[in-house]
Amino acid sequence: MPESSAPRPPVAASWLVDLFVPSNQTESIPGDLLEEFTEKAAHTGLSAARRWYIRQVAGTITHLIALQLRASPWTIIGAAAGGILMMSCGERAAYSAMAILLAQFPVYEYVKPGIVWLIHAAAVRMLWPLIIGWGVAAISKGREMAVAVILSGVLSIAVFPWLLHFVWLPPVYLDGLPSTLYFHATSLIRILLPPVCVLIGAAIRRRRACLGGGSPSIADGFQ
């Protein structure tokens, strides 16, 4: 079969498995999955093979994270705890800096309040989590994504109170129109942006390390 006409697995799933696979298995695991996918596509059809591939990738990623947790639980937990501490300290520092800035300078005379707080929110909810994701991945060579997943999971715990709030809160009306949906949508975005950005930051670091051959991490000094 010509290479151009060969069936291809879902791009996002292939990218994810490459992201989570250990550096010493970057060819074996994706290669085995691709070989089985090609065989299934020939026998069961492309759509069924793609659904199978996605299920296998999800199972493989879960298995790899569990293996890394069993192999180095304290390293991963310690890195994730450090990331949470840095997140908290960074948010407090950002709010303190904003309070000092507004107290010392007439910022609102030059920039609209909405824009000021939008920039502040982008720094706290997006830029800082990206940096944290990059940082925890940098000190966790070989365990980058496991640490990032644990950290993101902890940061996402606030989704559960949000769900209770969404289910039980009575509708709020502004100018005769229900504002509940807008309120909950914006709240969900505020909750999910930091963990998503942590994962993105760690993924960028992981891909850069793979392309560059990797570099020693701080965690390596304790082994």
Protein backbone atom coordinates (compact mmCIF):
# COMPACT_ATOMS: atom_id res chain seq x y z
CA MET A 1 0.00 0.00 0.00
CA PRO A 2 1.49 3.40 -0.95
CA GLU A 3 2.48 5.53 2.03
CA SER A 4 0.24 8.41 0.91
CA SER A 5 -2.85 6.13 0.97
CA ALA A 6 -1.98 4.29 4.19
CA PRO A 7 -4.54 4.79 6.98
CA ARG A 8 -3.45 7.20 9.65
CA PRO A 9 -4.50 7.24 13.31
CA PRO A 10 -6.01 10.39 14.87
CA VAL A 11 -3.34 13.08 14.98
CA ALA A 12 -4.22 14.29 18.49
CA ALA A 13 -4.11 10.75 19.91
CA SER A 14 -0.76 10.06 18.25
CA TRP A 15 0.64 13.31 19.64
CA LEU A 16 -0.55 12.44 23.15
CA VAL A 17 0.97 8.99 23.16
CA ASP A 18 4.30 10.46 21.99
CA LEU A 19 4.05 13.01 24.80
CA PHE A 20 3.54 10.48 27.60
CA VAL A 21 5.76 7.63 26.41
CA PRO A 22 9.13 7.35 28.24
CA SER A 23 12.16 8.48 26.28
CA ASN A 24 13.51 4.90 26.06
CA GLN A 25 10.26 3.68 24.45
CA THR A 26 9.54 6.49 22.00
CA GLU A 27 9.66 4.07 19.06
CA SER A 28 8.42 0.75 20.46
CA ILE A 29 5.06 1.75 21.97
CA PRO A 30 3.88 4.14 19.20
CA GLY A 31 5.20 1.69 16.61
CA ASP A 32 3.25 -1.23 18.09
CA LEU A 33 0.07 0.85 18.28
CA LEU A 34 0.48 2.00 14.69
CA GLU A 35 1.07 -1.54 13.45
CA GLU A 36 -2.07 -2.83 15.19
CA PHE A 37 -4.04 0.18 13.99
CA THR A 38 -3.05 -0.55 10.37
CA GLU A 39 -4.13 -4.17 10.71
CA LYS A 40 -7.48 -3.24 12.28
CA ALA A 41 -8.11 -0.58 9.62
CA ALA A 42 -7.67 -3.23 6.95
CA HIS A 43 -10.06 -5.69 8.62
CA THR A 44 -12.67 -3.57 10.47
CA GLY A 45 -12.56 -0.24 8.63
CA LEU A 46 -10.91 3.09 9.34
CA SER A 47 -13.59 4.47 11.71
CA ALA A 48 -13.55 1.41 13.96
CA ALA A 49 -9.74 1.35 13.93
CA ARG A 50 -9.59 4.99 14.98
CA ARG A 51 -12.00 4.39 17.86
CA TRP A 52 -9.87 1.44 18.93
CA TYR A 53 -6.72 3.56 18.69
CA ILE A 54 -8.18 6.30 20.89
CA ARG A 55 -9.18 3.74 23.54
CA GLN A 56 -5.73 2.19 23.44
CA VAL A 57 -4.02 5.56 23.76
CA ALA A 58 -6.18 6.45 26.78
CA GLY A 59 -5.37 3.12 28.42
CA THR A 60 -1.68 3.42 27.59
CA ILE A 61 -1.41 6.91 29.04
CA THR A 62 -3.19 5.85 32.24
CA HIS A 63 -0.92 2.81 32.54
CA LEU A 64 2.24 4.88 32.00
CA ILE A 65 1.22 7.46 34.63
CA ALA A 66 0.43 4.67 37.12
CA LEU A 67 3.83 3.06 36.45
CA GLN A 68 5.64 6.35 37.04
CA LEU A 69 3.70 6.92 40.26
CA ARG A 70 4.64 3.48 41.55
CA ALA A 71 8.28 3.91 40.52
CA SER A 72 8.83 7.41 41.98
CA PRO A 73 5.83 8.37 44.13
CA TRP A 74 7.57 10.85 46.41
CA THR A 75 9.42 12.58 43.59
CA ILE A 76 6.17 13.12 41.67
CA ILE A 77 4.14 14.12 44.74
CA GLY A 78 6.89 16.46 45.91
CA ALA A 79 7.14 18.16 42.51
CA ALA A 80 3.35 18.53 42.32
CA ALA A 81 3.23 19.93 45.87
CA GLY A 82 5.96 22.40 44.96
CA GLY A 83 3.95 23.46 41.92
CA ILE A 84 0.85 24.05 44.07
CA LEU A 85 2.90 26.12 46.52
CA MET A 86 4.36 28.20 43.69
CA MET A 87 0.88 28.71 42.22
CA SER A 88 -0.43 30.00 45.54
CA CYS A 89 2.56 32.26 46.16
CA GLY A 90 2.42 33.62 42.61
CA GLU A 91 -1.29 34.46 42.85
CA ARG A 92 -0.82 36.24 46.18
CA ALA A 93 2.15 38.17 44.85
CA ALA A 94 0.18 39.20 41.75
CA TYR A 95 -2.75 40.48 43.79
CA SER A 96 -0.43 42.31 46.19
CA ALA A 97 1.44 43.90 43.29
CA MET A 98 -1.85 44.99 41.70
CA ALA A 99 -3.04 46.53 44.98
CA ILE A 100 0.22 48.47 45.37
CA LEU A 101 0.11 49.60 41.74
CA LEU A 102 -3.45 50.89 42.03
CA ALA A 103 -2.69 52.61 45.34
CA GLN A 104 0.42 54.38 44.06
CA PHE A 105 -0.52 55.29 40.49
CA PRO A 106 -3.72 56.53 38.82
CA VAL A 107 -3.83 53.54 36.48
CA TYR A 108 -7.55 53.87 35.74
CA GLU A 109 -7.00 57.34 34.30
CA TYR A 110 -5.02 55.84 31.45
CA VAL A 111 -6.38 52.31 31.08
CA LYS A 112 -9.94 51.11 31.49
CA PRO A 113 -10.50 49.02 34.65
CA GLY A 114 -11.79 46.09 32.61
CA ILE A 115 -8.60 45.96 30.55
CA VAL A 116 -6.41 46.25 33.66
CA TRP A 117 -8.09 43.30 35.35
CA LEU A 118 -8.18 41.31 32.12
CA ILE A 119 -4.40 41.63 31.85
CA HIS A 120 -4.09 40.70 35.52
CA ALA A 121 -6.33 37.64 35.04
CA ALA A 122 -4.34 36.55 31.98
CA ALA A 123 -1.11 36.75 33.98
CA VAL A 124 -2.52 34.86 36.99
CA ARG A 125 -4.67 32.30 35.18
CA MET A 126 -2.60 31.67 32.06
CA LEU A 127 0.98 32.97 32.06
CA TRP A 128 1.92 31.92 35.60
CA PRO A 129 0.44 28.38 35.26
CA LEU A 130 2.34 28.00 31.97
CA ILE A 131 5.55 28.88 33.80
CA ILE A 132 4.70 26.49 36.64
CA GLY A 133 4.01 23.68 34.17
CA TRP A 134 7.32 24.33 32.45
CA GLY A 135 9.10 24.47 35.83
CA VAL A 136 7.74 21.24 37.31
CA ALA A 137 8.51 19.46 34.04
CA ALA A 138 12.06 20.84 34.06
CA ILE A 139 12.78 19.35 37.50
CA SER A 140 11.05 16.04 36.73
CA LYS A 141 12.93 14.61 33.77
CA GLY A 142 11.27 11.43 32.59
CA ARG A 143 8.20 12.12 34.72
CA GLU A 144 7.19 15.47 33.25
CA MET A 145 3.64 14.64 32.25
CA ALA A 146 2.89 12.50 35.31
CA VAL A 147 3.75 15.43 37.56
CA ALA A 148 1.76 17.82 35.37
CA VAL A 149 -1.30 15.53 35.40
CA ILE A 150 -1.22 15.21 39.21
CA LEU A 151 -0.79 18.95 39.62
CA SER A 152 -3.56 19.73 37.14
CA GLY A 153 -5.85 17.23 38.85
CA VAL A 154 -5.37 18.92 42.21
CA LEU A 155 -5.99 22.35 40.67
CA SER A 156 -9.17 21.01 39.04
CA ILE A 157 -10.75 19.90 42.34
CA ALA A 158 -12.67 23.19 42.39
CA VAL A 159 -14.78 21.79 39.56
CA PHE A 160 -16.76 19.70 42.07
CA PRO A 161 -18.04 22.70 44.07
CA TRP A 162 -18.76 24.35 40.72
CA LEU A 163 -20.94 21.40 39.71
CA LEU A 164 -22.88 21.58 42.98
CA HIS A 165 -23.28 25.30 42.48
CA PHE A 166 -24.44 24.79 38.91
CA VAL A 167 -27.04 22.19 39.90
CA TRP A 168 -28.45 23.80 43.03
CA LEU A 169 -28.07 27.57 42.56
CA PRO A 170 -31.39 29.20 41.58
CA PRO A 171 -31.33 31.39 38.44
CA VAL A 172 -30.19 34.99 38.87
CA TYR A 173 -31.90 37.59 36.71
CA LEU A 174 -30.34 40.76 35.34
CA ASP A 175 -32.64 43.11 33.42
CA GLY A 176 -35.20 40.34 33.26
CA LEU A 177 -32.78 37.82 31.69
CA PRO A 178 -31.26 34.80 33.46
CA SER A 179 -27.55 35.30 34.02
CA THR A 180 -26.85 31.87 35.52
CA LEU A 181 -25.41 30.38 32.33
CA TYR A 182 -23.00 33.27 31.77
CA PHE A 183 -21.94 33.22 35.42
CA HIS A 184 -21.29 29.48 35.43
CA ALA A 185 -19.51 29.55 32.06
CA THR A 186 -17.10 32.27 33.14
CA SER A 187 -16.55 30.54 36.50
CA LEU A 188 -15.74 27.26 34.76
CA ILE A 189 -13.24 28.98 32.49
CA ARG A 190 -11.54 30.57 35.50
CA ILE A 191 -11.30 27.17 37.19
CA LEU A 192 -10.03 25.18 34.20
CA LEU A 193 -7.61 27.67 32.66
CA PRO A 194 -4.78 27.16 35.22
CA PRO A 195 -4.71 23.32 35.06
CA VAL A 196 -4.94 23.38 31.26
CA CYS A 197 -2.09 25.90 31.05
CA VAL A 198 -0.01 23.78 33.45
CA LEU A 199 -0.42 20.83 31.09
CA ILE A 200 0.47 22.99 28.09
CA GLY A 201 3.59 24.32 29.81
CA ALA A 202 4.72 20.81 30.76
CA ALA A 203 3.97 19.52 27.25
CA ILE A 204 6.08 22.28 25.69
CA ARG A 205 8.96 21.44 28.01
CA ARG A 206 8.58 17.71 27.32
CA ARG A 207 8.58 18.17 23.54
CA ARG A 208 11.57 20.49 23.72
CA ALA A 209 13.48 17.97 25.84
CA CYS A 210 12.65 15.17 23.39
CA LEU A 211 13.72 17.20 20.37
CA GLY A 212 16.89 18.41 22.09
CA GLY A 213 17.84 15.09 23.57
CA GLY A 214 16.92 16.18 27.09
CA SER A 215 19.04 17.71 29.83
CA PRO A 216 19.78 16.76 33.44
CA SER A 217 17.06 17.68 35.90
CA ILE A 218 17.25 18.71 39.54
CA ALA A 219 15.50 15.48 40.51
CA ASP A 220 18.34 13.46 38.97
CA GLY A 221 20.66 14.73 41.69
CA PHE A 222 18.68 12.85 44.33
CA GLN A 223 18.93 9.46 42.68
